[in-house]
């Protein structure tokens, strides 16, 4: 096994291995393009240096890299970064390429430390459309069953595209069946994001449950969604065009995840609750002190669904409550009913008193009238 293969084998995920290898290949192509060796050429009786590229991943090339000093590696990576920037490569891509090469050198026990500001800064992705509830609703309505299920699942869980595409079809089918049997409108499940090995507490809301069930009935294949990554953004763009929404930038699936995070934040979810819901990493030092995090999500998500996370208005949601909350609501209801009875009784008494008071006043007026008539007759 070559040193490169040994290094890549330490990555657990096949997808991560493939991504890192592609980035390292790019770095090696750069190294090979810079390779120079002495070649004698006869021109005016002089000897010149001639650039001679070598094939990528020649074992001697990688072996030579693994024997460089930390100072040489640092200089090489900074030169690599500088040349990429001159060629117009974006900062985030530069950092990805440099990181792959740096990880290789770390594996070779060549530790490199950069001073603050030596590496380019990560940039916020710009130029993409920010989805609203109305946008997602419009796109959902013109989609076929498969993409209805995909959009509903993304808007429900906030998972990354890779995470959704690797959800287990049998597990999802079981969740739907269980929800139907127990008359539940939400399904909660634990899931691990394959790319980062991060725990998530997923939620399938009523819309996701409905359309996943319809899609699974049509889908005879073993996988939940039979579509490639690159095709999804293309389809979302077509759906945006069909629905005639006004776009303020490019369309990409990742922005549905951003919409969910933003919606949860507006609804009052704290950062830990948001991260657990969508599958973002929570530091272990913090996670140790959050034993009730999943239960908090289970209680809060249904309560904020209609106002913040529903892209279509659905039937009345029945929120499942734990026994303590149910008992508290029962007591409050009894107290409210008793109070209403008391108020009605008081109103009845007040009405009776008011009527009696009116009757007495009428009698007093009648007596006074009769008295006047008697006095008049006496005078006559």
Protein backbone atom coordinates (compact mmCIF):
# COMPACT_ATOMS: atom_id res chain seq x y z
CA UNK A 1 0.00 0.00 0.00
CA UNK A 2 1.40 3.41 -1.00
CA UNK A 3 1.72 6.23 1.52
CA UNK A 4 -1.13 8.06 -0.23
CA UNK A 5 -3.46 5.05 -0.02
CA UNK A 6 -2.52 4.51 3.61
CA UNK A 7 -3.35 8.15 4.40
CA UNK A 8 -6.70 8.08 2.57
CA UNK A 9 -7.70 4.79 4.21
CA UNK A 10 -7.95 6.63 7.55
CA UNK A 11 -11.05 8.48 6.33
CA UNK A 12 -14.11 6.42 7.32
CA UNK A 13 -16.49 7.70 4.66
CA UNK A 14 -16.00 6.68 1.03
CA UNK A 15 -17.45 10.04 -0.04
CA UNK A 16 -14.93 11.93 2.11
CA UNK A 17 -12.07 9.79 0.80
CA UNK A 18 -13.12 10.54 -2.76
CA UNK A 19 -13.41 14.29 -2.12
CA UNK A 20 -10.05 14.52 -0.33
CA UNK A 21 -8.35 12.48 -3.05
CA UNK A 22 -9.68 14.77 -5.80
CA UNK A 23 -8.36 17.81 -3.93
CA UNK A 24 -5.01 16.18 -3.30
CA UNK A 25 -4.82 15.21 -6.99
CA UNK A 26 -5.28 18.87 -7.83
CA UNK A 27 -2.38 19.74 -5.51
CA UNK A 28 -0.21 17.06 -7.11
CA UNK A 29 -0.99 18.37 -10.58
CA UNK A 30 0.23 21.76 -9.36
CA UNK A 31 3.44 20.18 -8.00
CA UNK A 32 4.04 18.31 -11.23
CA UNK A 33 3.47 21.42 -13.31
CA UNK A 34 6.22 23.10 -11.31
CA UNK A 35 8.62 20.16 -11.61
CA UNK A 36 11.87 21.12 -13.30
CA UNK A 37 14.88 19.01 -14.07
CA UNK A 38 18.14 19.71 -15.84
CA UNK A 39 18.00 18.97 -19.55
CA UNK A 40 20.86 19.71 -21.82
CA UNK A 41 19.81 21.49 -24.96
CA UNK A 42 22.29 22.68 -27.48
CA UNK A 43 21.59 26.24 -28.39
CA UNK A 44 24.47 28.59 -28.96
CA UNK A 45 26.62 26.07 -27.13
CA UNK A 46 24.83 26.67 -23.80
CA UNK A 47 22.84 24.42 -21.37
CA UNK A 48 19.34 25.51 -20.33
CA UNK A 49 16.85 24.38 -17.68
CA UNK A 50 13.74 22.93 -19.23
CA UNK A 51 10.35 22.40 -17.52
CA UNK A 52 9.41 18.71 -17.74
CA UNK A 53 6.04 17.76 -16.14
CA UNK A 54 5.87 14.27 -14.65
CA UNK A 55 2.84 12.00 -14.31
CA UNK A 56 0.74 12.48 -11.15
CA UNK A 57 1.36 10.21 -8.18
CA UNK A 58 4.70 8.86 -9.24
CA UNK A 59 5.81 7.19 -6.02
CA UNK A 60 9.13 9.06 -5.99
CA UNK A 61 7.30 12.43 -6.22
CA UNK A 62 5.12 11.67 -3.19
CA UNK A 63 8.07 10.20 -1.31
CA UNK A 64 10.05 13.39 -1.92
CA UNK A 65 7.16 15.46 -0.57
CA UNK A 66 6.99 13.31 2.56
CA UNK A 67 10.65 14.11 3.31
CA UNK A 68 10.37 17.89 3.16
CA UNK A 69 11.02 19.99 6.27
CA UNK A 70 8.14 21.91 7.92
CA UNK A 71 9.65 25.17 6.64
CA UNK A 72 9.75 23.86 3.05
CA UNK A 73 6.18 22.55 3.26
CA UNK A 74 4.90 25.85 4.64
CA UNK A 75 6.58 27.78 1.84
CA UNK A 76 5.20 25.34 -0.74
CA UNK A 77 1.60 25.63 0.55
CA UNK A 78 1.75 29.43 0.71
CA UNK A 79 3.07 29.52 -2.87
CA UNK A 80 0.29 27.11 -3.89
CA UNK A 81 -2.29 29.40 -2.27
CA UNK A 82 -0.82 32.49 -3.93
CA UNK A 83 -0.86 30.94 -7.41
CA UNK A 84 -4.46 29.76 -7.00
CA UNK A 85 -5.54 33.24 -5.93
CA UNK A 86 -3.81 34.79 -8.96
CA UNK A 87 -5.75 32.41 -11.19
CA UNK A 88 -9.05 33.58 -9.72
CA UNK A 89 -9.84 30.53 -7.56
CA UNK A 90 -12.33 31.43 -4.80
CA UNK A 91 -11.12 31.61 -1.19
CA UNK A 92 -13.23 28.67 0.04
CA UNK A 93 -11.91 26.42 -2.74
CA UNK A 94 -8.33 27.50 -1.98
CA UNK A 95 -8.78 26.57 1.68
CA UNK A 96 -10.20 23.15 0.69
CA UNK A 97 -7.19 22.37 -1.57
CA UNK A 98 -4.65 23.61 0.98
CA UNK A 99 -6.39 21.67 3.77
CA UNK A 100 -6.21 18.39 1.80
CA UNK A 101 -2.48 18.86 1.16
CA UNK A 102 -1.87 19.94 4.75
CA UNK A 103 -3.64 16.82 6.07
CA UNK A 104 -1.33 14.65 3.94
CA UNK A 105 1.75 16.34 5.42
CA UNK A 106 0.33 15.99 8.94
CA UNK A 107 -0.05 12.25 8.24
CA UNK A 108 3.63 12.25 7.29
CA UNK A 109 4.33 13.82 10.72
CA UNK A 110 5.23 17.18 9.21
CA UNK A 111 3.41 19.68 11.39
CA UNK A 112 2.78 23.12 9.88
CA UNK A 113 1.60 26.18 11.77
CA UNK A 114 0.44 29.30 9.98
CA UNK A 115 0.37 32.74 11.54
CA UNK A 116 -2.93 34.60 11.65
CA UNK A 117 -3.63 36.12 8.26
CA UNK A 118 -1.26 33.87 6.29
CA UNK A 119 -4.13 31.75 4.94
CA UNK A 120 -7.01 33.32 3.04
CA UNK A 121 -10.20 33.90 5.02
CA UNK A 122 -13.30 31.80 4.39
CA UNK A 123 -15.99 33.71 2.54
CA UNK A 124 -19.73 33.61 3.01
CA UNK A 125 -21.45 32.09 -0.01
CA UNK A 126 -23.19 34.91 -1.88
CA UNK A 127 -25.27 35.24 -5.00
CA UNK A 128 -27.84 32.61 -4.03
CA UNK A 129 -31.58 33.05 -3.66
CA UNK A 130 -32.93 33.08 -0.08
CA UNK A 131 -36.07 30.94 0.06
CA UNK A 132 -39.28 32.06 1.74
CA UNK A 133 -42.29 29.95 2.74
CA UNK A 134 -44.08 31.20 -0.36
CA UNK A 135 -41.19 30.24 -2.66
CA UNK A 136 -41.06 26.70 -1.31
CA UNK A 137 -44.85 26.42 -1.54
CA UNK A 138 -44.84 27.54 -5.19
CA UNK A 139 -42.03 25.13 -6.13
CA UNK A 140 -43.66 22.28 -4.21
CA UNK A 141 -46.95 22.73 -6.06
CA UNK A 142 -45.38 22.32 -9.53
CA UNK A 143 -43.13 19.38 -8.57
CA UNK A 144 -43.74 15.70 -9.29
CA UNK A 145 -44.30 13.23 -6.45
CA UNK A 146 -40.59 12.47 -5.99
CA UNK A 147 -39.59 16.12 -5.69
CA UNK A 148 -42.62 16.92 -3.53
CA UNK A 149 -41.34 14.27 -1.10
CA UNK A 150 -37.77 15.60 -1.36
CA UNK A 151 -38.71 19.26 -0.78
CA UNK A 152 -41.08 18.34 2.08
CA UNK A 153 -38.37 16.22 3.75
CA UNK A 154 -35.77 18.98 3.40
CA UNK A 155 -38.15 21.63 4.77
CA UNK A 156 -39.06 19.32 7.66
CA UNK A 157 -35.63 18.07 8.78
CA UNK A 158 -33.20 20.75 7.62
CA UNK A 159 -30.77 17.93 6.79
CA UNK A 160 -28.01 18.34 4.21
CA UNK A 161 -28.59 16.86 0.75
CA UNK A 162 -26.13 14.01 1.32
CA UNK A 163 -27.83 13.19 4.62
CA UNK A 164 -31.28 13.02 3.03
CA UNK A 165 -30.10 10.94 0.06
CA UNK A 166 -28.66 8.36 2.45
CA UNK A 167 -31.71 8.04 4.71
CA UNK A 168 -32.69 4.39 5.02
CA UNK A 169 -35.86 3.66 3.06
CA UNK A 170 -36.92 0.85 5.42
CA UNK A 171 -36.50 3.09 8.47
CA UNK A 172 -38.56 5.87 6.88
CA UNK A 173 -41.28 3.39 5.89
CA UNK A 174 -41.39 2.08 9.46
CA UNK A 175 -41.67 5.63 10.84
CA UNK A 176 -44.62 6.37 8.53
CA UNK A 177 -46.36 3.10 9.41
CA UNK A 178 -45.92 3.70 13.13
CA UNK A 179 -47.20 7.28 12.87
CA UNK A 180 -50.30 6.08 11.00
CA UNK A 181 -51.02 3.29 13.48
CA UNK A 182 -50.70 5.57 16.52
CA UNK A 183 -52.49 8.51 14.85
CA UNK A 184 -49.44 10.75 15.27
CA UNK A 185 -48.89 13.75 13.03
CA UNK A 186 -45.12 13.99 13.63
CA UNK A 187 -42.42 11.31 13.53
CA UNK A 188 -39.14 11.78 15.44
CA UNK A 189 -36.04 9.69 14.84
CA UNK A 190 -32.33 9.56 15.62
CA UNK A 191 -30.00 9.74 12.65
CA UNK A 192 -26.26 10.05 12.04
CA UNK A 193 -24.97 12.37 9.33
CA UNK A 194 -22.74 10.12 7.23
CA UNK A 195 -20.31 12.83 6.15
CA UNK A 196 -19.43 14.11 9.63
CA UNK A 197 -20.66 11.29 11.90
CA UNK A 198 -22.74 13.88 13.81
CA UNK A 199 -25.93 12.91 15.65
CA UNK A 200 -29.24 14.48 14.58
CA UNK A 201 -32.76 14.27 15.99
CA UNK A 202 -34.82 14.27 12.80
CA UNK A 203 -38.43 15.38 12.47
CA UNK A 204 -40.88 14.35 9.76
CA UNK A 205 -43.78 16.79 9.83
CA UNK A 206 -47.29 16.06 8.43
CA UNK A 207 -46.41 17.21 4.90
CA UNK A 208 -43.23 15.10 4.80
CA UNK A 209 -45.04 12.03 6.15
CA UNK A 210 -47.81 12.39 3.56
CA UNK A 211 -45.61 12.78 0.50
CA UNK A 212 -42.90 10.34 1.55
CA UNK A 213 -45.64 7.72 1.88
CA UNK A 214 -46.96 8.54 -1.60
CA UNK A 215 -43.47 8.45 -3.10
CA UNK A 216 -42.50 5.17 -1.41
CA UNK A 217 -45.66 3.55 -2.82
CA UNK A 218 -44.42 4.43 -6.33
CA UNK A 219 -40.72 3.78 -5.74
CA UNK A 220 -39.80 0.13 -6.23
CA UNK A 221 -36.04 0.64 -5.72
CA UNK A 222 -34.14 -0.01 -2.49
CA UNK A 223 -33.01 3.58 -2.01
CA UNK A 224 -35.30 6.33 -0.77
CA UNK A 225 -34.49 8.86 -3.51
CA UNK A 226 -33.06 7.73 -6.84
CA UNK A 227 -31.35 10.92 -7.95
CA UNK A 228 -27.78 12.23 -8.18
CA UNK A 229 -26.53 15.28 -6.29
CA UNK A 230 -25.80 17.36 -9.37
CA UNK A 231 -29.28 16.77 -10.84
CA UNK A 232 -31.14 18.14 -7.81
CA UNK A 233 -30.00 21.77 -8.05
CA UNK A 234 -30.80 21.66 -11.76
CA UNK A 235 -34.32 20.40 -11.04
CA UNK A 236 -34.85 22.99 -8.28
CA UNK A 237 -33.92 25.71 -10.75
CA UNK A 238 -36.48 24.33 -13.25
CA UNK A 239 -39.14 24.21 -10.52
CA UNK A 240 -38.38 27.83 -9.63
CA UNK A 241 -38.81 28.81 -13.29
CA UNK A 242 -42.09 26.86 -13.62
CA UNK A 243 -43.50 28.41 -10.47
CA UNK A 244 -42.60 31.90 -11.74
CA UNK A 245 -41.06 33.05 -8.45
CA UNK A 246 -38.75 36.06 -8.64
CA UNK A 247 -35.20 34.84 -8.03
CA UNK A 248 -32.59 37.04 -6.35
CA UNK A 249 -29.65 34.77 -7.19
CA UNK A 250 -28.82 31.17 -7.96
CA UNK A 251 -30.86 28.21 -6.70
CA UNK A 252 -29.31 25.46 -4.62
CA UNK A 253 -30.61 22.80 -2.27
CA UNK A 254 -28.44 23.96 0.65
CA UNK A 255 -30.57 27.10 1.00
CA UNK A 256 -33.57 25.00 2.09
CA UNK A 257 -31.40 23.89 5.02
CA UNK A 258 -30.65 27.56 5.72
CA UNK A 259 -34.38 28.34 5.62
CA UNK A 260 -35.07 25.68 8.27
CA UNK A 261 -32.27 26.96 10.53
CA UNK A 262 -33.55 30.54 10.18
CA UNK A 263 -37.16 29.47 10.84
CA UNK A 264 -36.20 27.53 13.97
CA UNK A 265 -34.24 30.52 15.24
CA UNK A 266 -37.20 32.87 14.67
CA UNK A 267 -39.44 30.40 16.53
CA UNK A 268 -37.25 30.61 19.64
CA UNK A 269 -35.09 27.48 19.32
CA UNK A 270 -31.69 27.95 20.96
CA UNK A 271 -28.47 27.13 19.10
CA UNK A 272 -28.15 23.64 20.63
CA UNK A 273 -31.72 22.71 19.70
CA UNK A 274 -31.17 23.96 16.14
CA UNK A 275 -27.91 22.05 15.72
CA UNK A 276 -29.40 18.80 17.01
CA UNK A 277 -32.43 19.13 14.75
CA UNK A 278 -30.53 19.73 11.49
CA UNK A 279 -27.45 17.62 12.27
CA UNK A 280 -24.77 20.16 13.08
CA UNK A 281 -21.95 19.35 15.49
CA UNK A 282 -22.34 20.22 19.18
CA UNK A 283 -19.04 20.21 21.12
CA UNK A 284 -18.82 17.19 23.41
CA UNK A 285 -18.09 19.47 26.36
CA UNK A 286 -21.53 21.07 25.85
CA UNK A 287 -23.42 17.95 24.78
CA UNK A 288 -22.63 16.28 28.12
CA UNK A 289 -24.84 18.84 29.86
CA UNK A 290 -27.80 18.53 27.46
CA UNK A 291 -29.47 15.21 28.37
CA UNK A 292 -33.01 16.48 27.63
CA UNK A 293 -32.24 18.08 24.26
CA UNK A 294 -34.20 15.57 22.17
CA UNK A 295 -37.25 15.82 24.44
CA UNK A 296 -37.15 19.63 24.20
CA UNK A 297 -37.24 19.39 20.40
CA UNK A 298 -40.02 16.81 20.52
CA UNK A 299 -42.16 19.16 22.60
CA UNK A 300 -41.36 22.47 20.86
CA UNK A 301 -41.29 21.53 17.16
CA UNK A 302 -45.01 20.68 16.80
CA UNK A 303 -45.96 23.87 18.66
CA UNK A 304 -44.13 26.15 16.19
CA UNK A 305 -44.76 24.12 13.04
CA UNK A 306 -47.84 25.90 11.67
CA UNK A 307 -46.54 29.41 12.24
CA UNK A 308 -42.90 28.97 11.19
CA UNK A 309 -42.23 25.72 9.30
CA UNK A 310 -45.36 24.93 7.32
CA UNK A 311 -45.00 25.56 3.57
CA UNK A 312 -48.59 24.40 3.01
CA UNK A 313 -51.56 24.90 5.31
CA UNK A 314 -52.51 21.49 6.65
CA UNK A 315 -55.35 20.03 8.66
CA UNK A 316 -55.56 20.76 12.37
CA UNK A 317 -52.45 19.40 14.09
CA UNK A 318 -52.90 17.16 17.11
CA UNK A 319 -49.90 17.78 19.32
CA UNK A 320 -48.83 14.80 21.38
CA UNK A 321 -48.15 15.83 24.96
CA UNK A 322 -46.39 13.98 27.75
CA UNK A 323 -48.54 12.78 30.74
CA UNK A 324 -47.57 15.68 33.03
CA UNK A 325 -48.54 18.31 30.47
CA UNK A 326 -51.81 16.47 29.74
CA UNK A 327 -52.70 16.37 33.44
CA UNK A 328 -51.89 20.07 33.84
CA UNK A 329 -54.11 20.93 30.86
CA UNK A 330 -56.92 18.77 32.32
CA UNK A 331 -56.77 20.63 35.66
CA UNK A 332 -56.74 24.01 33.93
CA UNK A 333 -59.75 22.99 31.84
CA UNK A 334 -61.70 21.95 34.97
CA UNK A 335 -60.84 25.25 36.66
CA UNK A 336 -61.92 27.19 33.58
CA UNK A 337 -65.25 25.33 33.43
CA UNK A 338 -65.88 25.97 37.17
CA UNK A 339 -65.07 29.66 36.70
CA UNK A 340 -67.45 29.90 33.75
CA UNK A 341 -70.25 28.30 35.83
CA UNK A 342 -69.62 30.77 38.66
CA UNK A 343 -69.71 33.72 36.29
CA UNK A 344 -73.00 32.48 34.77
CA UNK A 345 -74.52 32.04 38.25
CA UNK A 346 -73.53 35.55 39.27
CA UNK A 347 -74.94 37.02 36.09
CA UNK A 348 -78.21 35.16 36.71
CA UNK A 349 -78.46 36.56 40.24
CA UNK A 350 -77.61 40.07 39.06
CA UNK A 351 -80.29 39.86 36.35
CA UNK A 352 -82.85 38.68 38.93
CA UNK A 353 -81.98 41.50 41.33
CA UNK A 354 -82.14 43.98 38.49
CA UNK A 355 -85.59 42.72 37.49
CA UNK A 356 -86.86 42.86 41.09
CA UNK A 357 -85.48 46.36 41.45
CA UNK A 358 -87.35 47.42 38.31
CA UNK A 359 -90.57 45.81 39.63
CA UNK A 360 -90.31 47.68 42.94
CA UNK A 361 -89.78 50.98 41.15
CA UNK A 362 -92.83 50.36 38.98
CA UNK A 363 -94.95 49.58 42.10
CA UNK A 364 -93.69 52.72 43.81
CA UNK A 365 -94.67 54.81 40.80
CA UNK A 366 -98.14 53.21 40.76
CA UNK A 367 -98.69 53.88 44.51
CA UNK A 368 -97.54 57.48 44.09
CA UNK A 369 -99.96 57.94 41.18
CA UNK A 370 -102.87 56.49 43.19
CA UNK A 371 -102.00 58.72 46.16
CA UNK A 372 -102.15 61.81 43.96
CA UNK A 373 -105.56 60.78 42.64
CA UNK A 374 -106.90 60.22 46.20
CA UNK A 375 -105.67 63.62 47.36
CA UNK A 376 -107.33 65.23 44.38
CA UNK A 377 -110.64 63.51 45.13
CA UNK A 378 -110.47 64.57 48.80
CA UNK A 379 -110.08 68.21 47.82
CA UNK A 380 -113.09 68.07 45.63
